């Protein structure tokens, strides 16, 4: 007598998947994407809460000393500080914050705001801004970052995402790239909001925004020179495209009734480009 093991119905075997490999792969991708989206939403929500409700005194006490090394190579400028003080009267800064202006010798056309109410202005920006209003647009933009507590929000979001990434995904490069892209889009949103606040600050201080948006033409020229040397596409940039930025601000000014006409004031720090010798 011949004895054989009975044939099992593999369709009823719980240890074997009955779904197609492609379907399972896409399901895994969708679950991972949902998890990353939830992480972003949670991190942004917590960063927003901290940025809007943490008293400025805590930032001043614990974070301001952290940036001191960045400020060591800068110098104060009384005239520029006076201009910033006048602009600050037209923007609602966090309670207890006083804007402190520092000038760096760097030739870049740039400025940045950081913890503790500090704004660093590059010498290149001071010397190349065509008018006082153009320079004020940049100062007001950086003050808007201080008003919105953008540095604190960015710090909190980055820290939370990195902690979540380390806990869930380890050191996976693909996840690092996904986190980076999400941070970049958040940065572009911060920049747009700071631009809009800066326009209202100029309107309140000068009675018009003349010369403000034009500042971005200078930034566009500098940006063009940088992009010629870079492969980085615009959707990976941390700042909005400068031409799109100008277009948005003109539309925003029209929608909010901001005065685009007015006289401008010479920039006392301006240095005309040297004429090439024949």
Protein backbone atom coordinates (compact mmCIF):
# COMPACT_ATOMS: atom_id res chain seq x y z
CA UNK A 1 0.00 0.00 0.00
CA UNK A 2 1.32 3.39 -1.01
CA UNK A 3 0.98 6.23 1.49
CA UNK A 4 1.25 9.90 0.43
CA UNK A 5 0.89 13.16 2.32
CA UNK A 6 -2.32 14.88 1.42
CA UNK A 7 -1.99 17.88 -0.86
CA UNK A 8 -2.75 21.08 0.98
CA UNK A 9 -4.79 23.90 -0.44
CA UNK A 10 -2.19 26.67 -0.58
CA UNK A 11 -4.95 29.25 -0.97
CA UNK A 12 -5.83 28.52 2.66
CA UNK A 13 -2.25 28.66 3.96
CA UNK A 14 -1.97 31.65 6.35
CA UNK A 15 1.83 31.62 6.14
CA UNK A 16 1.88 32.45 2.45
CA UNK A 17 0.85 35.81 1.01
CA UNK A 18 -1.91 35.68 -1.54
CA UNK A 19 -1.52 39.23 -2.75
CA UNK A 20 0.55 40.24 -5.74
CA UNK A 21 4.06 41.48 -4.96
CA UNK A 22 3.40 44.77 -6.76
CA UNK A 23 0.29 45.45 -4.71
CA UNK A 24 2.09 44.71 -1.45
CA UNK A 25 4.97 47.00 -2.47
CA UNK A 26 2.65 49.91 -3.24
CA UNK A 27 0.78 49.31 0.01
CA UNK A 28 4.07 49.50 1.90
CA UNK A 29 5.01 52.73 0.09
CA UNK A 30 1.60 54.25 0.88
CA UNK A 31 1.93 53.35 4.56
CA UNK A 32 5.43 54.82 4.76
CA UNK A 33 4.26 58.01 3.02
CA UNK A 34 1.33 58.30 5.44
CA UNK A 35 3.66 57.84 8.40
CA UNK A 36 6.03 60.55 7.12
CA UNK A 37 3.10 62.90 6.48
CA UNK A 38 1.86 62.33 10.03
CA UNK A 39 5.34 63.02 11.38
CA UNK A 40 5.47 66.31 9.47
CA UNK A 41 2.03 67.34 10.67
CA UNK A 42 2.86 66.51 14.29
CA UNK A 43 6.28 68.23 14.15
CA UNK A 44 4.87 71.35 12.50
CA UNK A 45 1.99 71.51 14.95
CA UNK A 46 4.27 71.24 17.97
CA UNK A 47 6.75 73.71 16.46
CA UNK A 48 3.90 76.17 15.83
CA UNK A 49 2.72 75.84 19.44
CA UNK A 50 6.21 76.36 20.85
CA UNK A 51 6.97 79.24 18.50
CA UNK A 52 3.75 81.08 19.29
CA UNK A 53 3.39 80.41 22.99
CA UNK A 54 6.86 79.93 24.49
CA UNK A 55 7.73 83.24 26.19
CA UNK A 56 10.54 85.12 24.50
CA UNK A 57 12.39 85.29 27.84
CA UNK A 58 13.19 81.56 27.53
CA UNK A 59 14.62 82.02 24.04
CA UNK A 60 16.67 84.95 25.26
CA UNK A 61 18.00 82.99 28.22
CA UNK A 62 18.80 79.64 26.64
CA UNK A 63 19.27 80.20 22.88
CA UNK A 64 20.72 83.67 22.53
CA UNK A 65 24.12 82.59 23.98
CA UNK A 66 24.28 79.80 21.39
CA UNK A 67 24.63 82.29 18.51
CA UNK A 68 27.29 84.43 20.17
CA UNK A 69 30.06 82.79 18.15
CA UNK A 70 28.29 83.89 14.95
CA UNK A 71 28.28 87.49 16.18
CA UNK A 72 31.93 87.62 17.28
CA UNK A 73 33.17 88.74 13.85
CA UNK A 74 30.53 91.45 13.39
CA UNK A 75 30.41 95.13 14.27
CA UNK A 76 27.57 97.42 15.42
CA UNK A 77 26.47 100.35 13.27
CA UNK A 78 24.69 103.15 15.12
CA UNK A 79 23.04 104.64 12.04
CA UNK A 80 21.79 101.25 10.84
CA UNK A 81 20.60 100.44 14.36
CA UNK A 82 18.66 103.72 14.44
CA UNK A 83 16.95 102.83 11.15
CA UNK A 84 16.06 99.41 12.51
CA UNK A 85 14.67 100.95 15.69
CA UNK A 86 12.37 103.19 13.65
CA UNK A 87 11.15 100.28 11.54
CA UNK A 88 10.60 98.16 14.64
CA UNK A 89 7.99 100.66 15.88
CA UNK A 90 5.76 99.46 13.05
CA UNK A 91 6.02 95.73 13.71
CA UNK A 92 4.71 93.81 16.71
CA UNK A 93 7.75 92.02 18.10
CA UNK A 94 7.51 89.49 20.93
CA UNK A 95 7.29 91.06 24.39
CA UNK A 96 10.73 91.98 25.69
CA UNK A 97 12.51 91.67 22.32
CA UNK A 98 14.79 94.44 21.13
CA UNK A 99 16.29 94.12 17.66
CA UNK A 100 20.08 94.24 17.65
CA UNK A 101 21.83 94.94 14.33
CA UNK A 102 25.26 93.51 13.52
CA UNK A 103 27.29 94.16 10.36
CA UNK A 104 29.44 91.41 8.89
CA UNK A 105 32.34 92.15 6.55
CA UNK A 106 31.15 89.47 4.14
CA UNK A 107 30.61 90.79 0.57
CA UNK A 108 27.42 88.76 0.04
CA UNK A 109 24.11 90.52 -0.67
CA UNK A 110 22.38 88.95 2.28
CA UNK A 111 21.14 89.26 5.85
CA UNK A 112 19.70 86.85 8.40
CA UNK A 113 17.86 86.88 11.72
CA UNK A 114 18.60 84.54 14.57
CA UNK A 115 17.75 83.87 18.20
CA UNK A 116 17.61 86.67 20.73
CA UNK A 117 16.49 89.39 18.32
CA UNK A 118 19.82 89.51 16.47
CA UNK A 119 20.00 90.48 12.78
CA UNK A 120 23.25 90.20 10.84
CA UNK A 121 23.58 92.38 7.72
CA UNK A 122 26.33 91.62 5.22
CA UNK A 123 28.56 94.47 4.06
CA UNK A 124 27.74 93.56 0.45
CA UNK A 125 24.06 94.28 1.07
CA UNK A 126 24.80 97.59 2.75
CA UNK A 127 26.96 98.79 -0.10
CA UNK A 128 24.78 97.55 -2.99
CA UNK A 129 21.22 98.29 -1.87
CA UNK A 130 20.19 101.14 -4.24
CA UNK A 131 18.01 103.07 -1.74
CA UNK A 132 17.25 103.27 1.96
CA UNK A 133 13.84 101.76 1.24
CA UNK A 134 15.46 98.76 -0.44
CA UNK A 135 17.66 98.22 2.59
CA UNK A 136 14.67 98.73 4.89
CA UNK A 137 12.77 96.04 2.99
CA UNK A 138 15.45 93.52 3.93
CA UNK A 139 15.61 94.71 7.54
CA UNK A 140 11.82 94.53 7.84
CA UNK A 141 11.86 91.06 6.26
CA UNK A 142 14.30 89.82 8.89
CA UNK A 143 12.30 91.51 11.66
CA UNK A 144 9.26 89.64 10.39
CA UNK A 145 11.16 86.38 10.93
CA UNK A 146 11.77 87.53 14.51
CA UNK A 147 8.11 88.47 14.93
CA UNK A 148 6.96 85.09 13.62
CA UNK A 149 9.57 83.26 15.76
CA UNK A 150 10.68 81.43 12.61
CA UNK A 151 14.11 80.47 13.92
CA UNK A 152 12.58 78.85 16.99
CA UNK A 153 9.92 77.05 14.93
CA UNK A 154 12.52 75.75 12.48
CA UNK A 155 14.72 74.55 15.35
CA UNK A 156 11.85 72.74 17.05
CA UNK A 157 10.60 71.14 13.85
CA UNK A 158 14.05 69.94 12.84
CA UNK A 159 14.74 68.52 16.30
CA UNK A 160 11.40 66.70 16.46
CA UNK A 161 11.76 65.23 12.98
CA UNK A 162 15.30 64.08 13.64
CA UNK A 163 14.24 62.41 16.88
CA UNK A 164 11.34 60.68 15.14
CA UNK A 165 13.55 59.61 12.27
CA UNK A 166 16.16 58.14 14.58
CA UNK A 167 13.54 56.30 16.63
CA UNK A 168 11.60 54.84 13.70
CA UNK A 169 13.85 54.67 10.64
CA UNK A 170 17.38 54.66 11.99
CA UNK A 171 19.85 56.20 9.57
CA UNK A 172 18.00 55.61 6.31
CA UNK A 173 19.18 58.08 3.64
CA UNK A 174 15.87 58.02 1.76
CA UNK A 175 14.06 59.16 4.87
CA UNK A 176 16.66 61.90 5.41
CA UNK A 177 15.90 63.18 1.90
CA UNK A 178 12.16 63.14 2.54
CA UNK A 179 12.58 65.13 5.75
CA UNK A 180 14.78 67.63 3.92
CA UNK A 181 12.17 68.25 1.21
CA UNK A 182 9.48 68.87 3.79
CA UNK A 183 11.67 71.33 5.66
CA UNK A 184 12.38 73.24 2.45
CA UNK A 185 8.71 73.75 1.65
CA UNK A 186 8.13 75.03 5.16
CA UNK A 187 11.01 77.48 4.72
CA UNK A 188 9.50 78.88 1.52
CA UNK A 189 6.25 79.51 3.36
CA UNK A 190 8.11 81.38 6.08
CA UNK A 191 9.86 83.53 3.48
CA UNK A 192 6.61 84.52 1.77
CA UNK A 193 4.98 85.47 5.07
CA UNK A 194 8.03 87.56 6.02
CA UNK A 195 7.91 89.35 2.65
CA UNK A 196 4.27 90.30 3.15
CA UNK A 197 4.87 91.57 6.68
CA UNK A 198 7.84 93.61 5.41
CA UNK A 199 5.63 95.38 2.86
CA UNK A 200 3.21 96.48 5.58
CA UNK A 201 6.15 97.69 7.68
CA UNK A 202 7.45 99.84 4.81
CA UNK A 203 3.97 101.22 4.16
CA UNK A 204 3.61 102.21 7.82
CA UNK A 205 7.07 103.79 8.04
CA UNK A 206 7.40 105.57 4.67
CA UNK A 207 3.79 105.90 3.57
CA UNK A 208 4.55 103.77 0.51
CA UNK A 209 6.39 100.63 -0.49
CA UNK A 210 8.31 102.36 -3.31
CA UNK A 211 11.80 100.93 -3.60
CA UNK A 212 10.97 97.87 -1.53
CA UNK A 213 10.01 95.29 -4.11
CA UNK A 214 12.72 96.65 -6.41
CA UNK A 215 15.27 95.33 -3.91
CA UNK A 216 14.51 91.86 -5.17
CA UNK A 217 15.77 92.82 -8.62
CA UNK A 218 19.23 93.13 -7.10
CA UNK A 219 18.75 89.80 -5.36
CA UNK A 220 17.59 88.29 -8.67
CA UNK A 221 20.85 89.29 -10.34
CA UNK A 222 22.88 87.76 -7.52
CA UNK A 223 20.68 84.65 -7.60
CA UNK A 224 21.17 84.32 -11.36
CA UNK A 225 24.94 84.29 -10.92
CA UNK A 226 24.68 81.61 -8.24
CA UNK A 227 22.28 79.40 -10.21
CA UNK A 228 24.58 79.48 -13.21
CA UNK A 229 27.09 77.65 -11.03
CA UNK A 230 24.58 75.30 -9.42
CA UNK A 231 22.60 72.29 -10.61
CA UNK A 232 20.00 72.71 -7.80
CA UNK A 233 16.46 73.02 -9.26
CA UNK A 234 14.10 75.69 -7.92
CA UNK A 235 11.77 73.24 -6.20
CA UNK A 236 14.68 72.26 -3.96
CA UNK A 237 15.49 75.87 -3.03
CA UNK A 238 14.83 77.21 0.46
CA UNK A 239 13.72 80.63 -0.80
CA UNK A 240 11.04 81.36 -3.40
CA UNK A 241 12.20 82.15 -6.92
CA UNK A 242 13.01 85.88 -6.95
CA UNK A 243 10.98 86.72 -10.06
CA UNK A 244 7.97 84.85 -8.70
CA UNK A 245 8.57 86.62 -5.41
CA UNK A 246 8.36 90.06 -7.03
CA UNK A 247 5.22 89.10 -8.97
CA UNK A 248 3.52 87.82 -5.82
CA UNK A 249 4.42 90.95 -3.85
CA UNK A 250 3.06 93.27 -6.54
CA UNK A 251 -0.19 91.32 -6.59
CA UNK A 252 -0.29 91.33 -2.79
CA UNK A 253 0.30 95.10 -2.68
CA UNK A 254 -2.54 95.69 -5.15
CA UNK A 255 -4.93 93.44 -3.22
CA UNK A 256 -4.18 95.19 0.08
CA UNK A 257 -4.16 98.75 -1.23
CA UNK A 258 -0.49 99.43 -0.51
CA UNK A 259 0.94 102.57 -2.11
CA UNK A 260 3.57 101.70 -4.72
CA UNK A 261 4.29 105.32 -5.66
CA UNK A 262 6.55 107.60 -3.66
CA UNK A 263 9.96 109.16 -3.40
CA UNK A 264 12.92 107.11 -2.26
CA UNK A 265 15.87 108.09 -0.08
CA UNK A 266 19.51 107.53 -1.06
CA UNK A 267 21.25 104.73 0.78
CA UNK A 268 24.05 106.36 2.84
CA UNK A 269 26.09 103.14 2.76
CA UNK A 270 25.82 102.71 -1.02
CA UNK A 271 29.04 102.37 -3.00
CA UNK A 272 28.82 102.67 -6.76
CA UNK A 273 30.52 99.85 -8.70
CA UNK A 274 34.04 100.70 -9.73
CA UNK A 275 34.34 101.79 -13.34
CA UNK A 276 36.60 99.43 -15.33
CA UNK A 277 39.81 101.15 -16.36
CA UNK A 278 40.35 101.52 -20.07
